[in-house]
């Protein structure tokens, strides 16, 4: 279950990061975050290739990419209550470090369970 959660969070992170790159200036902290999540994503994909059936893995990848794209597009278009945006991209950008920590923690726990360290 952790694998599926982290896989979705990785696709969501990279979709948000792609929008952030287009709209905001990049700084060193964001590049470090992208690098850490990228390494975690590579290890997660390696885990999926090793331990999940290939047809189920490919179906999940396609499904999670679509859902993450639709979620970020919904936030871009705006969720309005009484004419004021309820949740915008600026709030989403503030939560990127928390999302990074969650992805790193969950992928570490996933590999820890598999190797028997945890």
PDB file of N, CA and C in Angstrom:
ATOM      1  N   UNK A   1       0.814  -1.189   0.000  1.00  0.00           N
ATOM      2  CA  UNK A   1       0.000   0.000   0.000  1.00  0.00           C
ATOM      3  C   UNK A   1       0.861   1.258   0.000  1.00  0.00           C
ATOM      4  N   UNK A   2       1.990   1.186   0.691  1.00  0.00           N
ATOM      5  CA  UNK A   2       2.896   2.337   0.723  1.00  0.00           C
ATOM      6  C   UNK A   2       3.408   2.629  -0.684  1.00  0.00           C
ATOM      7  N   UNK A   3       3.701   1.574  -1.427  1.00  0.00           N
ATOM      8  CA  UNK A   3       4.224   1.753  -2.780  1.00  0.00           C
ATOM      9  C   UNK A   3       3.264   2.563  -3.637  1.00  0.00           C
ATOM     10  N   UNK A   4       1.983   2.223  -3.598  1.00  0.00           N
ATOM     11  CA  UNK A   4       0.999   2.914  -4.431  1.00  0.00           C
ATOM     12  C   UNK A   4       0.832   4.369  -4.004  1.00  0.00           C
ATOM     13  N   UNK A   5       0.854   4.615  -2.711  1.00  0.00           N
ATOM     14  CA  UNK A   5       0.734   5.982  -2.200  1.00  0.00           C
ATOM     15  C   UNK A   5       1.916   6.837  -2.641  1.00  0.00           C
ATOM     16  N   UNK A   6       3.105   6.299  -2.484  1.00  0.00           N
ATOM     17  CA  UNK A   6       4.300   7.061  -2.849  1.00  0.00           C
ATOM     18  C   UNK A   6       4.373   7.263  -4.360  1.00  0.00           C
ATOM     19  N   UNK A   7       3.971   6.265  -5.124  1.00  0.00           N
ATOM     20  CA  UNK A   7       3.979   6.408  -6.580  1.00  0.00           C
ATOM     21  C   UNK A   7       3.073   7.554  -7.012  1.00  0.00           C
ATOM     22  N   UNK A   8       1.886   7.641  -6.422  1.00  0.00           N
ATOM     23  CA  UNK A   8       0.992   8.745  -6.749  1.00  0.00           C
ATOM     24  C   UNK A   8       1.584  10.083  -6.308  1.00  0.00           C
ATOM     25  N   UNK A   9       2.168  10.125  -5.109  1.00  0.00           N
ATOM     26  CA  UNK A   9       2.755  11.376  -4.612  1.00  0.00           C
ATOM     27  C   UNK A   9       3.912  11.851  -5.490  1.00  0.00           C
ATOM     28  N   UNK A  10       4.684  10.919  -6.032  1.00  0.00           N
ATOM     29  CA  UNK A  10       5.794  11.294  -6.916  1.00  0.00           C
ATOM     30  C   UNK A  10       5.267  11.944  -8.191  1.00  0.00           C
ATOM     31  N   UNK A  11       4.251  11.348  -8.789  1.00  0.00           N
ATOM     32  CA  UNK A  11       3.687  11.944 -10.003  1.00  0.00           C
ATOM     33  C   UNK A  11       3.035  13.288  -9.716  1.00  0.00           C
ATOM     34  N   UNK A  12       2.383  13.397  -8.574  1.00  0.00           N
ATOM     35  CA  UNK A  12       1.789  14.675  -8.186  1.00  0.00           C
ATOM     36  C   UNK A  12       2.872  15.728  -7.970  1.00  0.00           C
ATOM     37  N   UNK A  13       3.965  15.341  -7.309  1.00  0.00           N
ATOM     38  CA  UNK A  13       5.061  16.274  -7.066  1.00  0.00           C
ATOM     39  C   UNK A  13       5.638  16.797  -8.381  1.00  0.00           C
ATOM     40  N   UNK A  14       5.913  15.897  -9.309  1.00  0.00           N
ATOM     41  CA  UNK A  14       6.538  16.344 -10.550  1.00  0.00           C
ATOM     42  C   UNK A  14       5.595  17.164 -11.418  1.00  0.00           C
ATOM     43  N   UNK A  15       4.303  16.922 -11.331  1.00  0.00           N
ATOM     44  CA  UNK A  15       3.350  17.767 -12.046  1.00  0.00           C
ATOM     45  C   UNK A  15       3.332  19.169 -11.443  1.00  0.00           C
ATOM     46  N   UNK A  16       3.316  19.257 -10.111  1.00  0.00           N
ATOM     47  CA  UNK A  16       3.353  20.565  -9.452  1.00  0.00           C
ATOM     48  C   UNK A  16       4.681  21.263  -9.735  1.00  0.00           C
ATOM     49  N   UNK A  17       5.784  20.515  -9.713  1.00  0.00           N
ATOM     50  CA  UNK A  17       7.104  21.098  -9.968  1.00  0.00           C
ATOM     51  C   UNK A  17       7.203  21.627 -11.398  1.00  0.00           C
ATOM     52  N   UNK A  18       6.584  20.933 -12.337  1.00  0.00           N
ATOM     53  CA  UNK A  18       6.594  21.393 -13.729  1.00  0.00           C
ATOM     54  C   UNK A  18       5.859  22.724 -13.865  1.00  0.00           C
ATOM     55  N   UNK A  19       4.712  22.852 -13.208  1.00  0.00           N
ATOM     56  CA  UNK A  19       3.966  24.104 -13.234  1.00  0.00           C
ATOM     57  C   UNK A  19       4.750  25.193 -12.514  1.00  0.00           C
ATOM     58  N   UNK A  20       5.397  24.854 -11.401  1.00  0.00           N
ATOM     59  CA  UNK A  20       6.188  25.826 -10.644  1.00  0.00           C
ATOM     60  C   UNK A  20       7.346  26.351 -11.481  1.00  0.00           C
ATOM     61  N   UNK A  21       7.983  25.465 -12.235  1.00  0.00           N
ATOM     62  CA  UNK A  21       9.113  25.882 -13.071  1.00  0.00           C
ATOM     63  C   UNK A  21       8.671  26.877 -14.141  1.00  0.00           C
ATOM     64  N   UNK A  22       7.477  26.694 -14.674  1.00  0.00           N
ATOM     65  CA  UNK A  22       6.979  27.600 -15.704  1.00  0.00           C
ATOM     66  C   UNK A  22       6.603  28.969 -15.151  1.00  0.00           C
ATOM     67  N   UNK A  23       6.137  29.013 -13.903  1.00  0.00           N
ATOM     68  CA  UNK A  23       5.594  30.253 -13.361  1.00  0.00           C
ATOM     69  C   UNK A  23       6.527  31.003 -12.415  1.00  0.00           C
ATOM     70  N   UNK A  24       7.417  30.306 -11.754  1.00  0.00           N
ATOM     71  CA  UNK A  24       8.272  30.928 -10.743  1.00  0.00           C
ATOM     72  C   UNK A  24       9.737  30.793 -11.122  1.00  0.00           C
ATOM     73  N   UNK A  25      10.584  31.555 -10.429  1.00  0.00           N
ATOM     74  CA  UNK A  25      12.021  31.442 -10.624  1.00  0.00           C
ATOM     75  C   UNK A  25      12.557  30.251  -9.831  1.00  0.00           C
ATOM     76  N   UNK A  26      13.502  29.551 -10.404  1.00  0.00           N
ATOM     77  CA  UNK A  26      14.107  28.406  -9.725  1.00  0.00           C
ATOM     78  C   UNK A  26      15.226  28.904  -8.813  1.00  0.00           C
ATOM     79  N   UNK A  27      15.335  28.281  -7.646  1.00  0.00           N
ATOM     80  CA  UNK A  27      16.432  28.581  -6.748  1.00  0.00           C
ATOM     81  C   UNK A  27      17.118  27.272  -6.366  1.00  0.00           C
ATOM     82  N   UNK A  28      18.182  27.369  -5.599  1.00  0.00           N
ATOM     83  CA  UNK A  28      18.979  26.194  -5.247  1.00  0.00           C
ATOM     84  C   UNK A  28      18.187  25.204  -4.395  1.00  0.00           C
ATOM     85  N   UNK A  29      17.378  25.705  -3.488  1.00  0.00           N
ATOM     86  CA  UNK A  29      16.591  24.817  -2.623  1.00  0.00           C
ATOM     87  C   UNK A  29      15.629  23.965  -3.447  1.00  0.00           C
ATOM     88  N   UNK A  30      15.000  24.566  -4.445  1.00  0.00           N
ATOM     89  CA  UNK A  30      14.073  23.808  -5.297  1.00  0.00           C
ATOM     90  C   UNK A  30      14.823  22.776  -6.129  1.00  0.00           C
ATOM     91  N   UNK A  31      16.008  23.129  -6.604  1.00  0.00           N
ATOM     92  CA  UNK A  31      16.787  22.159  -7.377  1.00  0.00           C
ATOM     93  C   UNK A  31      17.201  20.966  -6.515  1.00  0.00           C
ATOM     94  N   UNK A  32      17.555  21.225  -5.274  1.00  0.00           N
ATOM     95  CA  UNK A  32      17.911  20.133  -4.358  1.00  0.00           C
ATOM     96  C   UNK A  32      16.687  19.256  -4.097  1.00  0.00           C
ATOM     97  N   UNK A  33      15.538  19.888  -3.891  1.00  0.00           N
ATOM     98  CA  UNK A  33      14.302  19.127  -3.700  1.00  0.00           C
ATOM     99  C   UNK A  33      14.007  18.246  -4.907  1.00  0.00           C
ATOM    100  N   UNK A  34      14.116  18.814  -6.095  1.00  0.00           N
ATOM    101  CA  UNK A  34      13.854  18.048  -7.321  1.00  0.00           C
ATOM    102  C   UNK A  34      14.826  16.875  -7.441  1.00  0.00           C
ATOM    103  N   UNK A  35      16.075  17.105  -7.099  1.00  0.00           N
ATOM    104  CA  UNK A  35      17.074  16.037  -7.175  1.00  0.00           C
ATOM    105  C   UNK A  35      16.751  14.913  -6.187  1.00  0.00           C
ATOM    106  N   UNK A  36      16.398  15.265  -4.951  1.00  0.00           N
ATOM    107  CA  UNK A  36      16.065  14.256  -3.948  1.00  0.00           C
ATOM    108  C   UNK A  36      14.829  13.447  -4.346  1.00  0.00           C
ATOM    109  N   UNK A  37      13.809  14.135  -4.816  1.00  0.00           N
ATOM    110  CA  UNK A  37      12.599  13.421  -5.230  1.00  0.00           C
ATOM    111  C   UNK A  37      12.874  12.608  -6.492  1.00  0.00           C
ATOM    112  N   UNK A  38      13.721  13.102  -7.375  1.00  0.00           N
ATOM    113  CA  UNK A  38      14.078  12.340  -8.570  1.00  0.00           C
ATOM    114  C   UNK A  38      14.798  11.045  -8.227  1.00  0.00           C
ATOM    115  N   UNK A  39      15.730  11.109  -7.294  1.00  0.00           N
ATOM    116  CA  UNK A  39      16.422   9.886  -6.863  1.00  0.00           C
ATOM    117  C   UNK A  39      15.465   8.930  -6.172  1.00  0.00           C
ATOM    118  N   UNK A  40      14.574   9.476  -5.382  1.00  0.00           N
ATOM    119  CA  UNK A  40      13.571   8.637  -4.733  1.00  0.00           C
ATOM    120  C   UNK A  40      12.633   8.009  -5.763  1.00  0.00           C
ATOM    121  N   UNK A  41      12.283   8.760  -6.798  1.00  0.00           N
ATOM    122  CA  UNK A  41      11.412   8.236  -7.848  1.00  0.00           C
ATOM    123  C   UNK A  41      12.090   7.103  -8.606  1.00  0.00           C
ATOM    124  N   UNK A  42      13.379   7.246  -8.881  1.00  0.00           N
ATOM    125  CA  UNK A  42      14.114   6.181  -9.568  1.00  0.00           C
ATOM    126  C   UNK A  42      14.134   4.916  -8.714  1.00  0.00           C
ATOM    127  N   UNK A  43      14.391   5.069  -7.420  1.00  0.00           N
ATOM    128  CA  UNK A  43      14.396   3.890  -6.542  1.00  0.00           C
ATOM    129  C   UNK A  43      12.999   3.285  -6.431  1.00  0.00           C
ATOM    130  N   UNK A  44      11.981   4.124  -6.442  1.00  0.00           N
ATOM    131  CA  UNK A  44      10.610   3.634  -6.377  1.00  0.00           C
ATOM    132  C   UNK A  44      10.230   2.875  -7.644  1.00  0.00           C
ATOM    133  N   UNK A  45      10.610   3.399  -8.791  1.00  0.00           N
ATOM    134  CA  UNK A  45      10.337   2.696 -10.048  1.00  0.00           C
ATOM    135  C   UNK A  45      11.099   1.379 -10.118  1.00  0.00           C
ATOM    136  N   UNK A  46      12.301   1.365  -9.608  1.00  0.00           N
ATOM    137  CA  UNK A  46      13.081   0.123  -9.542  1.00  0.00           C
ATOM    138  C   UNK A  46      12.383  -0.896  -8.648  1.00  0.00           C
ATOM    139  N   UNK A  47      11.865  -0.429  -7.516  1.00  0.00           N
ATOM    140  CA  UNK A  47      11.107  -1.296  -6.621  1.00  0.00           C
ATOM    141  C   UNK A  47       9.882  -1.866  -7.341  1.00  0.00           C
ATOM    142  N   UNK A  48       9.173  -1.016  -8.066  1.00  0.00           N
ATOM    143  CA  UNK A  48       7.992  -1.463  -8.793  1.00  0.00           C
ATOM    144  C   UNK A  48       8.319  -2.490  -9.860  1.00  0.00           C
ATOM    145  N   UNK A  49       9.425  -2.300 -10.552  1.00  0.00           N
ATOM    146  CA  UNK A  49       9.839  -3.257 -11.584  1.00  0.00           C
ATOM    147  C   UNK A  49      10.193  -4.600 -10.954  1.00  0.00           C
ATOM    148  N   UNK A  50      10.816  -4.575  -9.781  1.00  0.00           N
ATOM    149  CA  UNK A  50      11.224  -5.816  -9.127  1.00  0.00           C
ATOM    150  C   UNK A  50      10.073  -6.580  -8.485  1.00  0.00           C
ATOM    151  N   UNK A  51       9.152  -5.883  -7.843  1.00  0.00           N
ATOM    152  CA  UNK A  51       8.210  -6.557  -6.968  1.00  0.00           C
ATOM    153  C   UNK A  51       6.740  -6.473  -7.378  1.00  0.00           C
ATOM    154  N   UNK A  52       6.405  -5.777  -8.442  1.00  0.00           N
ATOM    155  CA  UNK A  52       5.014  -5.674  -8.886  1.00  0.00           C
ATOM    156  C   UNK A  52       4.937  -6.253 -10.291  1.00  0.00           C
ATOM    157  N   UNK A  53       3.852  -6.956 -10.577  1.00  0.00           N
ATOM    158  CA  UNK A  53       3.679  -7.520 -11.918  1.00  0.00           C
ATOM    159  C   UNK A  53       3.678  -6.394 -12.941  1.00  0.00           C
ATOM    160  N   UNK A  54       4.334  -6.612 -14.077  1.00  0.00           N
ATOM    161  CA  UNK A  54       4.594  -5.541 -15.032  1.00  0.00           C
ATOM    162  C   UNK A  54       3.315  -4.925 -15.577  1.00  0.00           C
ATOM    163  N   UNK A  55       2.287  -5.710 -15.864  1.00  0.00           N
ATOM    164  CA  UNK A  55       1.056  -5.166 -16.437  1.00  0.00           C
ATOM    165  C   UNK A  55       0.286  -4.334 -15.408  1.00  0.00           C
ATOM    166  N   UNK A  56       0.313  -4.747 -14.156  1.00  0.00           N
ATOM    167  CA  UNK A  56      -0.328  -3.974 -13.098  1.00  0.00           C
ATOM    168  C   UNK A  56       0.444  -2.678 -12.838  1.00  0.00           C
ATOM    169  N   UNK A  57       1.764  -2.767 -12.874  1.00  0.00           N
ATOM    170  CA  UNK A  57       2.625  -1.605 -12.665  1.00  0.00           C
ATOM    171  C   UNK A  57       2.400  -0.558 -13.757  1.00  0.00           C
ATOM    172  N   UNK A  58       2.349  -0.987 -15.013  1.00  0.00           N
ATOM    173  CA  UNK A  58       2.149  -0.046 -16.124  1.00  0.00           C
ATOM    174  C   UNK A  58       0.764   0.594 -16.060  1.00  0.00           C
ATOM    175  N   UNK A  59      -0.248  -0.183 -15.696  1.00  0.00           N
ATOM    176  CA  UNK A  59      -1.591   0.359 -15.549  1.00  0.00           C
ATOM    177  C   UNK A  59      -1.632   1.422 -14.463  1.00  0.00           C
ATOM    178  N   UNK A  60      -0.977   1.152 -13.342  1.00  0.00           N
ATOM    179  CA  UNK A  60      -0.939   2.126 -12.257  1.00  0.00           C
ATOM    180  C   UNK A  60      -0.189   3.397 -12.643  1.00  0.00           C
ATOM    181  N   UNK A  61       0.900   3.246 -13.358  1.00  0.00           N
ATOM    182  CA  UNK A  61       1.664   4.424 -13.788  1.00  0.00           C
ATOM    183  C   UNK A  61       0.796   5.330 -14.650  1.00  0.00           C
ATOM    184  N   UNK A  62       0.114   4.754 -15.626  1.00  0.00           N
ATOM    185  CA  UNK A  62      -0.739   5.549 -16.516  1.00  0.00           C
ATOM    186  C   UNK A  62      -1.882   6.182 -15.726  1.00  0.00           C
ATOM    187  N   UNK A  63      -2.513   5.413 -14.864  1.00  0.00           N
ATOM    188  CA  UNK A  63      -3.626   5.920 -14.073  1.00  0.00           C
ATOM    189  C   UNK A  63      -3.196   7.052 -13.142  1.00  0.00           C
ATOM    190  N   UNK A  64      -2.078   6.893 -12.459  1.00  0.00           N
ATOM    191  CA  UNK A  64      -1.610   7.918 -11.523  1.00  0.00           C
ATOM    192  C   UNK A  64      -1.158   9.189 -12.245  1.00  0.00           C
ATOM    193  N   UNK A  65      -0.574   9.052 -13.426  1.00  0.00           N
ATOM    194  CA  UNK A  65      -0.192  10.240 -14.201  1.00  0.00           C
ATOM    195  C   UNK A  65      -1.436  11.035 -14.591  1.00  0.00           C
ATOM    196  N   UNK A  66      -2.466  10.345 -15.023  1.00  0.00           N
ATOM    197  CA  UNK A  66      -3.700  11.021 -15.425  1.00  0.00           C
ATOM    198  C   UNK A  66      -4.359  11.708 -14.230  1.00  0.00           C
ATOM    199  N   UNK A  67      -4.458  11.008 -13.115  1.00  0.00           N
ATOM    200  CA  UNK A  67      -5.117  11.577 -11.931  1.00  0.00           C
ATOM    201  C   UNK A  67      -4.325  12.773 -11.386  1.00  0.00           C
ATOM    202  N   UNK A  68      -3.001  12.673 -11.348  1.00  0.00           N
ATOM    203  CA  UNK A  68      -2.179  13.786 -10.866  1.00  0.00           C
ATOM    204  C   UNK A  68      -2.319  14.998 -11.784  1.00  0.00           C
ATOM    205  N   UNK A  69      -2.339  14.771 -13.082  1.00  0.00           N
ATOM    206  CA  UNK A  69      -2.505  15.881 -14.030  1.00  0.00           C
ATOM    207  C   UNK A  69      -3.860  16.550 -13.858  1.00  0.00           C
ATOM    208  N   UNK A  70      -4.896  15.760 -13.699  1.00  0.00           N
ATOM    209  CA  UNK A  70      -6.225  16.339 -13.512  1.00  0.00           C
ATOM    210  C   UNK A  70      -6.331  17.102 -12.198  1.00  0.00           C
ATOM    211  N   UNK A  71      -5.690  16.608 -11.155  1.00  0.00           N
ATOM    212  CA  UNK A  71      -5.736  17.291  -9.861  1.00  0.00           C
ATOM    213  C   UNK A  71      -5.059  18.656  -9.937  1.00  0.00           C
ATOM    214  N   UNK A  72      -3.894  18.716 -10.557  1.00  0.00           N
ATOM    215  CA  UNK A  72      -3.175  19.990 -10.650  1.00  0.00           C
ATOM    216  C   UNK A  72      -3.897  20.950 -11.597  1.00  0.00           C
ATOM    217  N   UNK A  73      -4.479  20.437 -12.665  1.00  0.00           N
ATOM    218  CA  UNK A  73      -5.246  21.282 -13.579  1.00  0.00           C
ATOM    219  C   UNK A  73      -6.458  21.872 -12.875  1.00  0.00           C
ATOM    220  N   UNK A  74      -7.085  21.099 -12.008  1.00  0.00           N
ATOM    221  CA  UNK A  74      -8.223  21.601 -11.244  1.00  0.00           C
ATOM    222  C   UNK A  74      -7.806  22.765 -10.350  1.00  0.00           C
ATOM    223  N   UNK A  75      -6.673  22.641  -9.704  1.00  0.00           N
ATOM    224  CA  UNK A  75      -6.181  23.727  -8.847  1.00  0.00           C
ATOM    225  C   UNK A  75      -5.793  24.934  -9.689  1.00  0.00           C
ATOM    226  N   UNK A  76      -5.220  24.697 -10.873  1.00  0.00           N
ATOM    227  CA  UNK A  76      -4.854  25.813 -11.752  1.00  0.00           C
ATOM    228  C   UNK A  76      -6.089  26.593 -12.197  1.00  0.00           C
ATOM    229  N   UNK A  77      -7.145  25.871 -12.545  1.00  0.00           N
ATOM    230  CA  UNK A  77      -8.367  26.551 -12.964  1.00  0.00           C
ATOM    231  C   UNK A  77      -9.025  27.280 -11.810  1.00  0.00           C
ATOM    232  N   UNK A  78      -8.876  26.738 -10.621  1.00  0.00           N
ATOM    233  CA  UNK A  78      -9.356  27.425  -9.430  1.00  0.00           C
ATOM    234  C   UNK A  78     -10.591  26.784  -8.837  1.00  0.00           C
ATOM    235  N   UNK A  79     -10.572  26.712  -7.537  1.00  0.00           N
ATOM    236  CA  UNK A  79     -11.725  26.265  -6.766  1.00  0.00           C
ATOM    237  C   UNK A  79     -12.190  27.493  -6.007  1.00  0.00           C
ATOM    238  N   UNK A  80     -13.338  28.028  -6.402  1.00  0.00           N
ATOM    239  CA  UNK A  80     -13.793  29.305  -5.866  1.00  0.00           C
ATOM    240  C   UNK A  80     -14.981  29.110  -4.927  1.00  0.00           C
ATOM    241  N   UNK A  81     -14.947  29.851  -3.831  1.00  0.00           N
ATOM    242  CA  UNK A  81     -16.070  29.919  -2.902  1.00  0.00           C
ATOM    243  C   UNK A  81     -16.403  31.391  -2.727  1.00  0.00           C
ATOM    244  N   UNK A  82     -17.607  31.777  -3.100  1.00  0.00           N
ATOM    245  CA  UNK A  82     -18.060  33.171  -3.036  1.00  0.00           C
ATOM    246  C   UNK A  82     -17.143  34.112  -3.813  1.00  0.00           C
ATOM    247  N   UNK A  83     -16.632  33.667  -4.926  1.00  0.00           N
ATOM    248  CA  UNK A  83     -15.809  34.503  -5.785  1.00  0.00           C
ATOM    249  C   UNK A  83     -14.356  34.616  -5.377  1.00  0.00           C
ATOM    250  N   UNK A  84     -13.953  33.965  -4.284  1.00  0.00           N
ATOM    251  CA  UNK A  84     -12.561  34.010  -3.833  1.00  0.00           C
ATOM    252  C   UNK A  84     -11.953  32.622  -3.969  1.00  0.00           C
ATOM    253  N   UNK A  85     -10.704  32.564  -4.428  1.00  0.00           N
ATOM    254  CA  UNK A  85     -10.090  31.233  -4.571  1.00  0.00           C
ATOM    255  C   UNK A  85      -9.892  30.570  -3.201  1.00  0.00           C
ATOM    256  N   UNK A  86     -10.352  29.350  -3.102  1.00  0.00           N
ATOM    257  CA  UNK A  86     -10.232  28.627  -1.840  1.00  0.00           C
ATOM    258  C   UNK A  86      -8.838  28.031  -1.675  1.00  0.00           C
ATOM    259  N   UNK A  87      -8.299  27.517  -2.741  1.00  0.00           N
ATOM    260  CA  UNK A  87      -6.999  26.852  -2.693  1.00  0.00           C
ATOM    261  C   UNK A  87      -6.315  27.103  -4.023  1.00  0.00           C
ATOM    262  N   UNK A  88      -5.218  27.837  -4.014  1.00  0.00           N
ATOM    263  CA  UNK A  88      -4.540  28.175  -5.253  1.00  0.00           C
ATOM    264  C   UNK A  88      -3.162  27.549  -5.349  1.00  0.00           C
ATOM    265  N   UNK A  89      -2.487  27.859  -6.425  1.00  0.00           N
ATOM    266  CA  UNK A  89      -1.156  27.296  -6.642  1.00  0.00           C
ATOM    267  C   UNK A  89      -0.132  27.832  -5.651  1.00  0.00           C
ATOM    268  N   UNK A  90      -0.320  29.060  -5.169  1.00  0.00           N
ATOM    269  CA  UNK A  90       0.649  29.599  -4.211  1.00  0.00           C
ATOM    270  C   UNK A  90       0.649  28.780  -2.922  1.00  0.00           C
ATOM    271  N   UNK A  91      -0.513  28.323  -2.472  1.00  0.00           N
ATOM    272  CA  UNK A  91      -0.564  27.456  -1.301  1.00  0.00           C
ATOM    273  C   UNK A  91       0.037  26.093  -1.615  1.00  0.00           C
ATOM    274  N   UNK A  92      -0.181  25.636  -2.815  1.00  0.00           N
ATOM    275  CA  UNK A  92       0.375  24.343  -3.226  1.00  0.00           C
ATOM    276  C   UNK A  92       1.886  24.388  -3.218  1.00  0.00           C
ATOM    277  N   UNK A  93       2.468  25.485  -3.674  1.00  0.00           N
ATOM    278  CA  UNK A  93       3.927  25.620  -3.682  1.00  0.00           C
ATOM    279  C   UNK A  93       4.489  25.614  -2.261  1.00  0.00           C
ATOM    280  N   UNK A  94       3.740  26.136  -1.304  1.00  0.00           N
ATOM    281  CA  UNK A  94       4.205  26.149   0.083  1.00  0.00           C
ATOM    282  C   UNK A  94       4.281  24.748   0.671  1.00  0.00           C
ATOM    283  N   UNK A  95       3.463  23.827   0.141  1.00  0.00           N
ATOM    284  CA  UNK A  95       3.439  22.464   0.662  1.00  0.00           C
ATOM    285  C   UNK A  95       4.414  21.525  -0.041  1.00  0.00           C
ATOM    286  N   UNK A  96       5.158  21.998  -1.011  1.00  0.00           N
ATOM    287  CA  UNK A  96       6.118  21.145  -1.713  1.00  0.00           C
ATOM    288  C   UNK A  96       7.202  20.567  -0.798  1.00  0.00           C
ATOM    289  N   UNK A  97       7.770  21.320   0.149  1.00  0.00           N
ATOM    290  CA  UNK A  97       8.751  20.703   1.049  1.00  0.00           C
ATOM    291  C   UNK A  97       8.161  19.572   1.893  1.00  0.00           C
ATOM    292  N   UNK A  98       6.912  19.725   2.330  1.00  0.00           N
ATOM    293  CA  UNK A  98       6.270  18.661   3.100  1.00  0.00           C
ATOM    294  C   UNK A  98       6.060  17.435   2.224  1.00  0.00           C
ATOM    295  N   UNK A  99       5.666  17.658   0.989  1.00  0.00           N
ATOM    296  CA  UNK A  99       5.494  16.554   0.039  1.00  0.00           C
ATOM    297  C   UNK A  99       6.821  15.861  -0.232  1.00  0.00           C
ATOM    298  N   UNK A 100       7.892  16.626  -0.312  1.00  0.00           N
ATOM    299  CA  UNK A 100       9.224  16.053  -0.508  1.00  0.00           C
ATOM    300  C   UNK A 100       9.611  15.163   0.671  1.00  0.00           C
ATOM    301  N   UNK A 101       9.391  15.648   1.871  1.00  0.00           N
ATOM    302  CA  UNK A 101       9.722  14.868   3.069  1.00  0.00           C
ATOM    303  C   UNK A 101       8.888  13.587   3.115  1.00  0.00           C
ATOM    304  N   UNK A 102       7.607  13.693   2.774  1.00  0.00           N
ATOM    305  CA  UNK A 102       6.740  12.508   2.786  1.00  0.00           C
ATOM    306  C   UNK A 102       7.204  11.471   1.778  1.00  0.00           C
ATOM    307  N   UNK A 103       7.579  11.909   0.586  1.00  0.00           N
ATOM    308  CA  UNK A 103       8.047  10.975  -0.448  1.00  0.00           C
ATOM    309  C   UNK A 103       9.340  10.302  -0.004  1.00  0.00           C
ATOM    310  N   UNK A 104      10.276  11.077   0.514  1.00  0.00           N
ATOM    311  CA  UNK A 104      11.544  10.494   0.969  1.00  0.00           C
ATOM    312  C   UNK A 104      11.338   9.531   2.131  1.00  0.00           C
ATOM    313  N   UNK A 105      10.505   9.911   3.080  1.00  0.00           N
ATOM    314  CA  UNK A 105      10.250   9.057   4.240  1.00  0.00           C
ATOM    315  C   UNK A 105       9.561   7.752   3.840  1.00  0.00           C
ATOM    316  N   UNK A 106       8.513   7.854   3.030  1.00  0.00           N
ATOM    317  CA  UNK A 106       7.776   6.659   2.630  1.00  0.00           C
ATOM    318  C   UNK A 106       8.614   5.727   1.761  1.00  0.00           C
ATOM    319  N   UNK A 107       9.416   6.277   0.866  1.00  0.00           N
ATOM    320  CA  UNK A 107      10.240   5.399   0.029  1.00  0.00           C
ATOM    321  C   UNK A 107      11.341   4.738   0.852  1.00  0.00           C
ATOM    322  N   UNK A 108      11.853   5.448   1.856  1.00  0.00           N
ATOM    323  CA  UNK A 108      12.843   4.840   2.751  1.00  0.00           C
ATOM    324  C   UNK A 108      12.216   3.720   3.578  1.00  0.00           C
ATOM    325  N   UNK A 109      11.026   3.959   4.085  1.00  0.00           N
ATOM    326  CA  UNK A 109      10.314   2.930   4.844  1.00  0.00           C
ATOM    327  C   UNK A 109      10.001   1.726   3.957  1.00  0.00           C
ATOM    328  N   UNK A 110       9.607   1.979   2.725  1.00  0.00           N
ATOM    329  CA  UNK A 110       9.300   0.897   1.785  1.00  0.00           C
ATOM    330  C   UNK A 110      10.503  -0.009   1.569  1.00  0.00           C
ATOM    331  N   UNK A 111      11.657   0.581   1.299  1.00  0.00           N
ATOM    332  CA  UNK A 111      12.864  -0.225   1.108  1.00  0.00           C
ATOM    333  C   UNK A 111      13.326  -0.844   2.421  1.00  0.00           C
ATOM    334  N   UNK A 112      13.073  -0.173   3.545  1.00  0.00           N
ATOM    335  CA  UNK A 112      13.445  -0.738   4.838  1.00  0.00           C
ATOM    336  C   UNK A 112      12.649  -1.993   5.155  1.00  0.00           C
ATOM    337  N   UNK A 113      11.362  -1.977   4.826  1.00  0.00           N
ATOM    338  CA  UNK A 113      10.542  -3.175   5.027  1.00  0.00           C
ATOM    339  C   UNK A 113      10.997  -4.307   4.118  1.00  0.00           C
ATOM    340  N   UNK A 114      11.347  -3.974   2.892  1.00  0.00           N
ATOM    341  CA  UNK A 114      11.727  -5.008   1.923  1.00  0.00           C
ATOM    342  C   UNK A 114      13.061  -5.655   2.281  1.00  0.00           C
ATOM    343  N   UNK A 115      13.992  -4.860   2.775  1.00  0.00           N
ATOM    344  CA  UNK A 115      15.303  -5.404   3.116  1.00  0.00           C
ATOM    345  C   UNK A 115      15.363  -5.977   4.520  1.00  0.00           C
ATOM    346  N   UNK A 116      14.333  -5.734   5.329  1.00  0.00           N
ATOM    347  CA  UNK A 116      14.296  -6.263   6.675  1.00  0.00           C
ATOM    348  C   UNK A 116      14.988  -5.401   7.709  1.00  0.00           C
ATOM    349  N   UNK A 117      15.359  -4.185   7.340  1.00  0.00           N
ATOM    350  CA  UNK A 117      16.010  -3.271   8.275  1.00  0.00           C
ATOM    351  C   UNK A 117      14.999  -2.752   9.289  1.00  0.00           C
ATOM    352  N   UNK A 118      13.796  -2.512   8.824  1.00  0.00           N
ATOM    353  CA  UNK A 118      12.743  -1.969   9.718  1.00  0.00           C
ATOM    354  C   UNK A 118      11.847  -3.112  10.156  1.00  0.00           C
TER     355      UNK A 118
END
